[in-house]
Amino acid sequence: MRGSASTRLSLSTGLCVFVLLALGLVAAGSAGAVTISSWVGGKAAVPQVVTASSASCPGTVVMITGSGFVTDGGIVSVTIGGVPASEIVVGSDQYLYARVGPGATSGPIVVTTKAGTARATPDAQVVPCQSTATASSKPAVASVTPVKAKGGKKIKLSGSGFVGTSSVTVGGVPATFSIPSDNLMYVIVPKAAKTGQQTILVKNNLGVAKSFVVKAD
């Protein structure tokens, strides 16, 4: 998505208001106190564990469920672990998505609208990009899901020894990756990679793991 987070937020919020009004689901001028009923983060062993953004990790996108995200005057800010989300997309009055920003630490998720503030429970357990940690074993890839993906799409690698990864390549092209836990990794298939079956190489200072993915046109 291009443009600043605030621009995307304004466009998304405006579109949601228009659609909800058109469907008759929101009364014009209605407003209520913003609430958060739940949130879902990464897919690590503990769902509340999320990864902060960095140069090599895009950061976890969390889904926040509640009410008043549109009718409470619009979203002013979302903070995760005391840091503003690096990206916010309002899906409807009941849910929104926010990406953990750089420098975030473990702490609350807070949504602020023009009419109020709500804090989610439990707090987020924020970990740094795990490529910065020390590898304790050579990586091993057990599975890749999906096995076929277009450039720019995310694939999931399951296995072990992912903490401490120094690089990931797909078909020889460096790939963006994030590591919520030692047995889970998300990789963005590079658009520059060739089509067809491509080798995925996961490397740390103790060894290299090899797997495959089919890059679609």
C-alpha atoms as a PDB file:
ATOM      1  CA  MET A   1       0.000   0.000   0.000  1.00  0.00           C
ATOM      2  CA  ARG A   2       1.420   3.354  -1.019  1.00  0.00           C
ATOM      3  CA  GLY A   3       1.112   6.665   0.727  1.00  0.00           C
ATOM      4  CA  SER A   4       1.436   7.494   4.411  1.00  0.00           C
ATOM      5  CA  ALA A   5      -0.305   5.493   7.117  1.00  0.00           C
ATOM      6  CA  SER A   6      -2.459   8.515   7.969  1.00  0.00           C
ATOM      7  CA  THR A   7      -3.552   8.896   4.339  1.00  0.00           C
ATOM      8  CA  ARG A   8      -4.424   5.197   4.045  1.00  0.00           C
ATOM      9  CA  LEU A   9      -6.281   5.408   7.353  1.00  0.00           C
ATOM     10  CA  SER A  10      -8.342   8.406   6.243  1.00  0.00           C
ATOM     11  CA  LEU A  11      -9.257   6.775   2.937  1.00  0.00           C
ATOM     12  CA  SER A  12     -10.112   3.458   4.590  1.00  0.00           C
ATOM     13  CA  THR A  13     -12.194   5.101   7.305  1.00  0.00           C
ATOM     14  CA  GLY A  14     -14.050   7.280   4.815  1.00  0.00           C
ATOM     15  CA  LEU A  15     -14.840   4.314   2.604  1.00  0.00           C
ATOM     16  CA  CYS A  16     -16.085   2.274   5.554  1.00  0.00           C
ATOM     17  CA  VAL A  17     -18.379   5.087   6.686  1.00  0.00           C
ATOM     18  CA  PHE A  18     -19.801   5.466   3.175  1.00  0.00           C
ATOM     19  CA  VAL A  19     -20.439   1.724   2.802  1.00  0.00           C
ATOM     20  CA  LEU A  20     -21.987   1.331   6.247  1.00  0.00           C
ATOM     21  CA  LEU A  21     -24.241   4.342   5.734  1.00  0.00           C
ATOM     22  CA  ALA A  22     -25.266   3.081   2.302  1.00  0.00           C
ATOM     23  CA  LEU A  23     -26.220  -0.291   3.769  1.00  0.00           C
ATOM     24  CA  GLY A  24     -28.160   1.330   6.541  1.00  0.00           C
ATOM     25  CA  LEU A  25     -25.975  -0.301   9.195  1.00  0.00           C
ATOM     26  CA  VAL A  26     -24.879   2.970  10.773  1.00  0.00           C
ATOM     27  CA  ALA A  27     -27.082   5.930  11.437  1.00  0.00           C
ATOM     28  CA  ALA A  28     -25.689   9.261  10.328  1.00  0.00           C
ATOM     29  CA  GLY A  29     -24.240  11.133  13.266  1.00  0.00           C
ATOM     30  CA  SER A  30     -24.335   8.114  15.596  1.00  0.00           C
ATOM     31  CA  ALA A  31     -21.482   7.739  18.056  1.00  0.00           C
ATOM     32  CA  GLY A  32     -20.576   5.549  20.996  1.00  0.00           C
ATOM     33  CA  ALA A  33     -17.667   4.853  23.267  1.00  0.00           C
ATOM     34  CA  VAL A  34     -14.962   2.867  21.493  1.00  0.00           C
ATOM     35  CA  THR A  35     -14.479  -0.640  22.893  1.00  0.00           C
ATOM     36  CA  ILE A  36     -12.060  -3.537  22.327  1.00  0.00           C
ATOM     37  CA  SER A  37     -13.404  -7.038  22.879  1.00  0.00           C
ATOM     38  CA  SER A  38     -10.396  -9.060  21.661  1.00  0.00           C
ATOM     39  CA  TRP A  39      -7.284  -9.059  19.515  1.00  0.00           C
ATOM     40  CA  VAL A  40      -5.280 -11.662  17.631  1.00  0.00           C
ATOM     41  CA  GLY A  41      -1.586 -11.412  16.902  1.00  0.00           C
ATOM     42  CA  GLY A  42       1.050 -13.788  15.633  1.00  0.00           C
ATOM     43  CA  LYS A  43       0.834 -17.543  15.194  1.00  0.00           C
ATOM     44  CA  ALA A  44       3.583 -18.420  17.662  1.00  0.00           C
ATOM     45  CA  ALA A  45       3.082 -20.851  20.554  1.00  0.00           C
ATOM     46  CA  VAL A  46       1.613 -17.935  22.518  1.00  0.00           C
ATOM     47  CA  PRO A  47      -0.863 -15.957  20.356  1.00  0.00           C
ATOM     48  CA  GLN A  48      -0.038 -12.705  22.137  1.00  0.00           C
ATOM     49  CA  VAL A  49       3.618 -12.854  21.019  1.00  0.00           C
ATOM     50  CA  VAL A  50       4.214 -10.405  18.177  1.00  0.00           C
ATOM     51  CA  THR A  51       7.303  -9.184  16.350  1.00  0.00           C
ATOM     52  CA  ALA A  52       8.340  -5.538  16.151  1.00  0.00           C
ATOM     53  CA  SER A  53       9.099  -4.032  12.749  1.00  0.00           C
ATOM     54  CA  SER A  54      12.718  -3.669  11.684  1.00  0.00           C
ATOM     55  CA  ALA A  55      14.783  -3.447   8.530  1.00  0.00           C
ATOM     56  CA  SER A  56      14.558  -7.225   8.062  1.00  0.00           C
ATOM     57  CA  CYS A  57      11.134  -7.874   9.631  1.00  0.00           C
ATOM     58  CA  PRO A  58       7.857  -6.297   8.491  1.00  0.00           C
ATOM     59  CA  GLY A  59       6.328  -6.633  11.966  1.00  0.00           C
ATOM     60  CA  THR A  60       3.245  -8.591  12.997  1.00  0.00           C
ATOM     61  CA  VAL A  61      -0.174  -7.400  11.869  1.00  0.00           C
ATOM     62  CA  VAL A  62      -2.721  -7.693  14.682  1.00  0.00           C
ATOM     63  CA  MET A  63      -6.483  -7.805  14.206  1.00  0.00           C
ATOM     64  CA  ILE A  64      -8.420  -5.827  16.815  1.00  0.00           C
ATOM     65  CA  THR A  65     -12.121  -6.513  17.322  1.00  0.00           C
ATOM     66  CA  GLY A  66     -14.525  -4.200  19.106  1.00  0.00           C
ATOM     67  CA  SER A  67     -16.886  -1.351  18.301  1.00  0.00           C
ATOM     68  CA  GLY A  68     -16.870   2.339  17.492  1.00  0.00           C
ATOM     69  CA  PHE A  69     -13.887   2.268  15.126  1.00  0.00           C
ATOM     70  CA  VAL A  70     -15.926   4.266  12.603  1.00  0.00           C
ATOM     71  CA  THR A  71     -18.909   5.671  14.497  1.00  0.00           C
ATOM     72  CA  ASP A  72     -16.809   7.071  17.348  1.00  0.00           C
ATOM     73  CA  GLY A  73     -15.483   9.792  15.067  1.00  0.00           C
ATOM     74  CA  GLY A  74     -12.740   7.813  13.365  1.00  0.00           C
ATOM     75  CA  ILE A  75      -9.399   6.406  14.490  1.00  0.00           C
ATOM     76  CA  VAL A  76      -6.871   8.928  15.762  1.00  0.00           C
ATOM     77  CA  SER A  77      -4.149   6.440  16.671  1.00  0.00           C
ATOM     78  CA  VAL A  78      -3.312   2.844  17.522  1.00  0.00           C
ATOM     79  CA  THR A  79      -0.321   2.138  19.737  1.00  0.00           C
ATOM     80  CA  ILE A  80       1.211  -1.274  20.432  1.00  0.00           C
ATOM     81  CA  GLY A  81       3.744  -1.531  23.207  1.00  0.00           C
ATOM     82  CA  GLY A  82       3.865   2.244  23.532  1.00  0.00           C
ATOM     83  CA  VAL A  83       4.749   2.805  19.866  1.00  0.00           C
ATOM     84  CA  PRO A  84       2.400   4.014  17.110  1.00  0.00           C
ATOM     85  CA  ALA A  85       1.413   1.269  14.664  1.00  0.00           C
ATOM     86  CA  SER A  86       3.369   1.569  11.430  1.00  0.00           C
ATOM     87  CA  GLU A  87       0.261   0.788   9.395  1.00  0.00           C
ATOM     88  CA  ILE A  88      -3.476   0.905  10.186  1.00  0.00           C
ATOM     89  CA  VAL A  89      -6.383  -0.353   8.095  1.00  0.00           C
ATOM     90  CA  VAL A  90      -9.968   0.045   9.341  1.00  0.00           C
ATOM     91  CA  GLY A  91     -12.052  -2.879   8.077  1.00  0.00           C
ATOM     92  CA  SER A  92     -15.372  -1.831   9.605  1.00  0.00           C
ATOM     93  CA  ASP A  93     -16.843  -0.372  12.767  1.00  0.00           C
ATOM     94  CA  GLN A  94     -16.100  -3.718  14.454  1.00  0.00           C
ATOM     95  CA  TYR A  95     -12.541  -4.547  13.404  1.00  0.00           C
ATOM     96  CA  LEU A  96      -9.260  -3.007  12.300  1.00  0.00           C
ATOM     97  CA  TYR A  97      -5.730  -4.140  11.494  1.00  0.00           C
ATOM     98  CA  ALA A  98      -2.540  -2.586  12.842  1.00  0.00           C
ATOM     99  CA  ARG A  99       1.115  -3.477  12.266  1.00  0.00           C
ATOM    100  CA  VAL A 100       3.533  -3.450  15.212  1.00  0.00           C
ATOM    101  CA  GLY A 101       5.878  -0.506  14.779  1.00  0.00           C
ATOM    102  CA  PRO A 102       9.670  -0.321  15.088  1.00  0.00           C
ATOM    103  CA  GLY A 103      11.024  -0.079  18.620  1.00  0.00           C
ATOM    104  CA  ALA A 104       7.871  -1.468  20.247  1.00  0.00           C
ATOM    105  CA  THR A 105       8.261  -3.272  23.586  1.00  0.00           C
ATOM    106  CA  SER A 106       5.873  -5.477  25.537  1.00  0.00           C
ATOM    107  CA  GLY A 107       2.879  -3.470  26.635  1.00  0.00           C
ATOM    108  CA  PRO A 108      -0.723  -2.538  25.959  1.00  0.00           C
ATOM    109  CA  ILE A 109      -2.610  -2.165  22.704  1.00  0.00           C
ATOM    110  CA  VAL A 110      -4.491   1.132  22.785  1.00  0.00           C
ATOM    111  CA  VAL A 111      -7.007   2.440  20.250  1.00  0.00           C
ATOM    112  CA  THR A 112      -7.857   6.129  20.361  1.00  0.00           C
ATOM    113  CA  THR A 113     -10.760   7.683  18.467  1.00  0.00           C
ATOM    114  CA  LYS A 114     -11.944  11.270  18.376  1.00  0.00           C
ATOM    115  CA  ALA A 115     -14.353  10.451  21.209  1.00  0.00           C
ATOM    116  CA  GLY A 116     -12.395   8.169  23.496  1.00  0.00           C
ATOM    117  CA  THR A 117      -9.753   5.542  24.190  1.00  0.00           C
ATOM    118  CA  ALA A 118      -9.873   1.782  24.745  1.00  0.00           C
ATOM    119  CA  ARG A 119      -7.166  -0.604  25.972  1.00  0.00           C
ATOM    120  CA  ALA A 120      -7.028  -4.247  24.915  1.00  0.00           C
ATOM    121  CA  THR A 121      -6.316  -7.196  27.180  1.00  0.00           C
ATOM    122  CA  PRO A 122      -4.031  -9.024  27.504  1.00  0.00           C
ATOM    123  CA  ASP A 123      -1.012  -6.883  26.727  1.00  0.00           C
ATOM    124  CA  ALA A 124       1.095  -7.720  23.682  1.00  0.00           C
ATOM    125  CA  GLN A 125       4.340  -9.607  24.255  1.00  0.00           C
ATOM    126  CA  VAL A 126       6.622  -7.898  21.756  1.00  0.00           C
ATOM    127  CA  VAL A 127       9.848  -9.552  20.644  1.00  0.00           C
ATOM    128  CA  PRO A 128      12.490  -8.032  18.381  1.00  0.00           C
ATOM    129  CA  CYS A 129      13.119  -9.458  14.955  1.00  0.00           C
ATOM    130  CA  GLN A 130      14.489 -12.867  15.858  1.00  0.00           C
ATOM    131  CA  SER A 131      17.153 -12.695  13.173  1.00  0.00           C
ATOM    132  CA  THR A 132      19.045 -10.542  15.672  1.00  0.00           C
ATOM    133  CA  ALA A 133      19.172 -13.300  18.301  1.00  0.00           C
ATOM    134  CA  THR A 134      21.843 -15.993  18.593  1.00  0.00           C
ATOM    135  CA  ALA A 135      21.282 -19.253  16.716  1.00  0.00           C
ATOM    136  CA  SER A 136      21.400 -22.379  18.895  1.00  0.00           C
ATOM    137  CA  SER A 137      21.082 -24.893  16.052  1.00  0.00           C
ATOM    138  CA  LYS A 138      21.211 -25.043  12.260  1.00  0.00           C
ATOM    139  CA  PRO A 139      17.847 -24.308  10.623  1.00  0.00           C
ATOM    140  CA  ALA A 140      15.549 -27.047   9.338  1.00  0.00           C
ATOM    141  CA  VAL A 141      12.426 -26.566   7.202  1.00  0.00           C
ATOM    142  CA  ALA A 142       9.669 -29.167   7.696  1.00  0.00           C
ATOM    143  CA  SER A 143       6.983 -27.614   5.502  1.00  0.00           C
ATOM    144  CA  VAL A 144       6.133 -24.623   3.319  1.00  0.00           C
ATOM    145  CA  THR A 145       2.572 -23.269   3.064  1.00  0.00           C
ATOM    146  CA  PRO A 146       1.343 -22.594   0.451  1.00  0.00           C
ATOM    147  CA  VAL A 147       3.713 -24.355  -1.922  1.00  0.00           C
ATOM    148  CA  LYS A 148       2.699 -21.999  -4.743  1.00  0.00           C
ATOM    149  CA  ALA A 149       2.620 -18.222  -4.377  1.00  0.00           C
ATOM    150  CA  LYS A 150       2.885 -15.075  -6.451  1.00  0.00           C
ATOM    151  CA  GLY A 151       5.630 -12.517  -5.987  1.00  0.00           C
ATOM    152  CA  GLY A 152       4.889 -10.214  -3.075  1.00  0.00           C
ATOM    153  CA  LYS A 153       2.785 -12.819  -1.253  1.00  0.00           C
ATOM    154  CA  LYS A 154       3.585 -14.332   2.139  1.00  0.00           C
ATOM    155  CA  ILE A 155       4.451 -17.980   2.714  1.00  0.00           C
ATOM    156  CA  LYS A 156       4.828 -19.798   6.031  1.00  0.00           C
ATOM    157  CA  LEU A 157       7.802 -21.988   6.886  1.00  0.00           C
ATOM    158  CA  SER A 158       7.484 -24.474   9.747  1.00  0.00           C
ATOM    159  CA  GLY A 159      10.499 -26.220  11.182  1.00  0.00           C
ATOM    160  CA  SER A 160      13.177 -25.448  13.774  1.00  0.00           C
ATOM    161  CA  GLY A 161      16.275 -23.356  14.351  1.00  0.00           C
ATOM    162  CA  PHE A 162      14.851 -20.202  12.794  1.00  0.00           C
ATOM    163  CA  VAL A 163      16.018 -17.884  15.582  1.00  0.00           C
ATOM    164  CA  GLY A 164      19.294 -16.339  14.510  1.00  0.00           C
ATOM    165  CA  THR A 165      18.550 -16.485  10.777  1.00  0.00           C
ATOM    166  CA  SER A 166      20.890 -14.146   8.943  1.00  0.00           C
ATOM    167  CA  SER A 167      19.370 -14.370   5.455  1.00  0.00           C
ATOM    168  CA  VAL A 168      16.612 -15.954   3.386  1.00  0.00           C
ATOM    169  CA  THR A 169      16.690 -16.205  -0.392  1.00  0.00           C
ATOM    170  CA  VAL A 170      14.099 -17.464  -2.862  1.00  0.00           C
ATOM    171  CA  GLY A 171      15.613 -18.494  -6.177  1.00  0.00           C
ATOM    172  CA  GLY A 172      18.776 -16.644  -5.187  1.00  0.00           C
ATOM    173  CA  VAL A 173      16.904 -13.385  -4.556  1.00  0.00           C
ATOM    174  CA  PRO A 174      17.023 -11.931  -0.994  1.00  0.00           C
ATOM    175  CA  ALA A 175      13.613 -12.159   0.691  1.00  0.00           C
ATOM    176  CA  THR A 176      11.994 -10.226   3.523  1.00  0.00           C
ATOM    177  CA  PHE A 177      11.215 -12.450   6.510  1.00  0.00           C
ATOM    178  CA  SER A 178       9.919 -12.349  10.080  1.00  0.00           C
ATOM    179  CA  ILE A 179      10.366 -14.922  12.857  1.00  0.00           C
ATOM    180  CA  PRO A 180       7.727 -14.933  15.608  1.00  0.00           C
ATOM    181  CA  SER A 181       9.197 -18.123  17.142  1.00  0.00           C
ATOM    182  CA  ASP A 182      12.005 -20.642  16.653  1.00  0.00           C
ATOM    183  CA  ASN A 183       9.749 -23.016  14.691  1.00  0.00           C
ATOM    184  CA  LEU A 184       7.866 -20.471  12.599  1.00  0.00           C
ATOM    185  CA  MET A 185       8.924 -18.077   9.875  1.00  0.00           C
ATOM    186  CA  TYR A 186       7.060 -15.889   7.393  1.00  0.00           C
ATOM    187  CA  VAL A 187       8.738 -15.091   4.085  1.00  0.00           C
ATOM    188  CA  ILE A 188       7.631 -12.642   1.382  1.00  0.00           C
ATOM    189  CA  VAL A 189       8.231 -14.198  -2.042  1.00  0.00           C
ATOM    190  CA  PRO A 190      10.381 -11.676  -3.966  1.00  0.00           C
ATOM    191  CA  LYS A 191       8.748 -10.254  -7.062  1.00  0.00           C
ATOM    192  CA  ALA A 192      12.150 -10.411  -8.746  1.00  0.00           C
ATOM    193  CA  ALA A 193      12.359 -14.190  -8.352  1.00  0.00           C
ATOM    194  CA  LYS A 194      11.840 -16.212 -11.515  1.00  0.00           C
ATOM    195  CA  THR A 195       8.641 -18.196 -12.067  1.00  0.00           C
ATOM    196  CA  GLY A 196       8.532 -21.964 -11.563  1.00  0.00           C
ATOM    197  CA  GLN A 197      10.075 -24.063  -8.791  1.00  0.00           C
ATOM    198  CA  GLN A 198      12.507 -21.994  -6.758  1.00  0.00           C
ATOM    199  CA  THR A 199      14.880 -22.994  -3.973  1.00  0.00           C
ATOM    200  CA  ILE A 200      14.392 -21.392  -0.565  1.00  0.00           C
ATOM    201  CA  LEU A 201      17.589 -21.101   1.462  1.00  0.00           C
ATOM    202  CA  VAL A 202      17.434 -20.250   5.173  1.00  0.00           C
ATOM    203  CA  LYS A 203      20.871 -19.476   6.568  1.00  0.00           C
ATOM    204  CA  ASN A 204      22.374 -18.854   9.999  1.00  0.00           C
ATOM    205  CA  ASN A 205      25.929 -19.094  11.285  1.00  0.00           C
ATOM    206  CA  LEU A 206      25.532 -22.822  12.001  1.00  0.00           C
ATOM    207  CA  GLY A 207      24.199 -23.994   8.666  1.00  0.00           C
ATOM    208  CA  VAL A 208      21.727 -23.747   5.810  1.00  0.00           C
ATOM    209  CA  ALA A 209      18.255 -25.253   5.305  1.00  0.00           C
ATOM    210  CA  LYS A 210      16.847 -25.855   1.833  1.00  0.00           C
ATOM    211  CA  SER A 211      13.252 -26.141   0.689  1.00  0.00           C
ATOM    212  CA  PHE A 212      11.185 -25.240  -2.373  1.00  0.00           C
ATOM    213  CA  VAL A 213       8.306 -23.059  -3.455  1.00  0.00           C
ATOM    214  CA  VAL A 214       6.673 -22.550  -6.833  1.00  0.00           C
ATOM    215  CA  LYS A 215       6.506 -18.890  -7.806  1.00  0.00           C
ATOM    216  CA  ALA A 216       3.432 -18.265  -9.918  1.00  0.00           C
ATOM    217  CA  ASP A 217       3.163 -15.644 -12.669  1.00  0.00           C
END
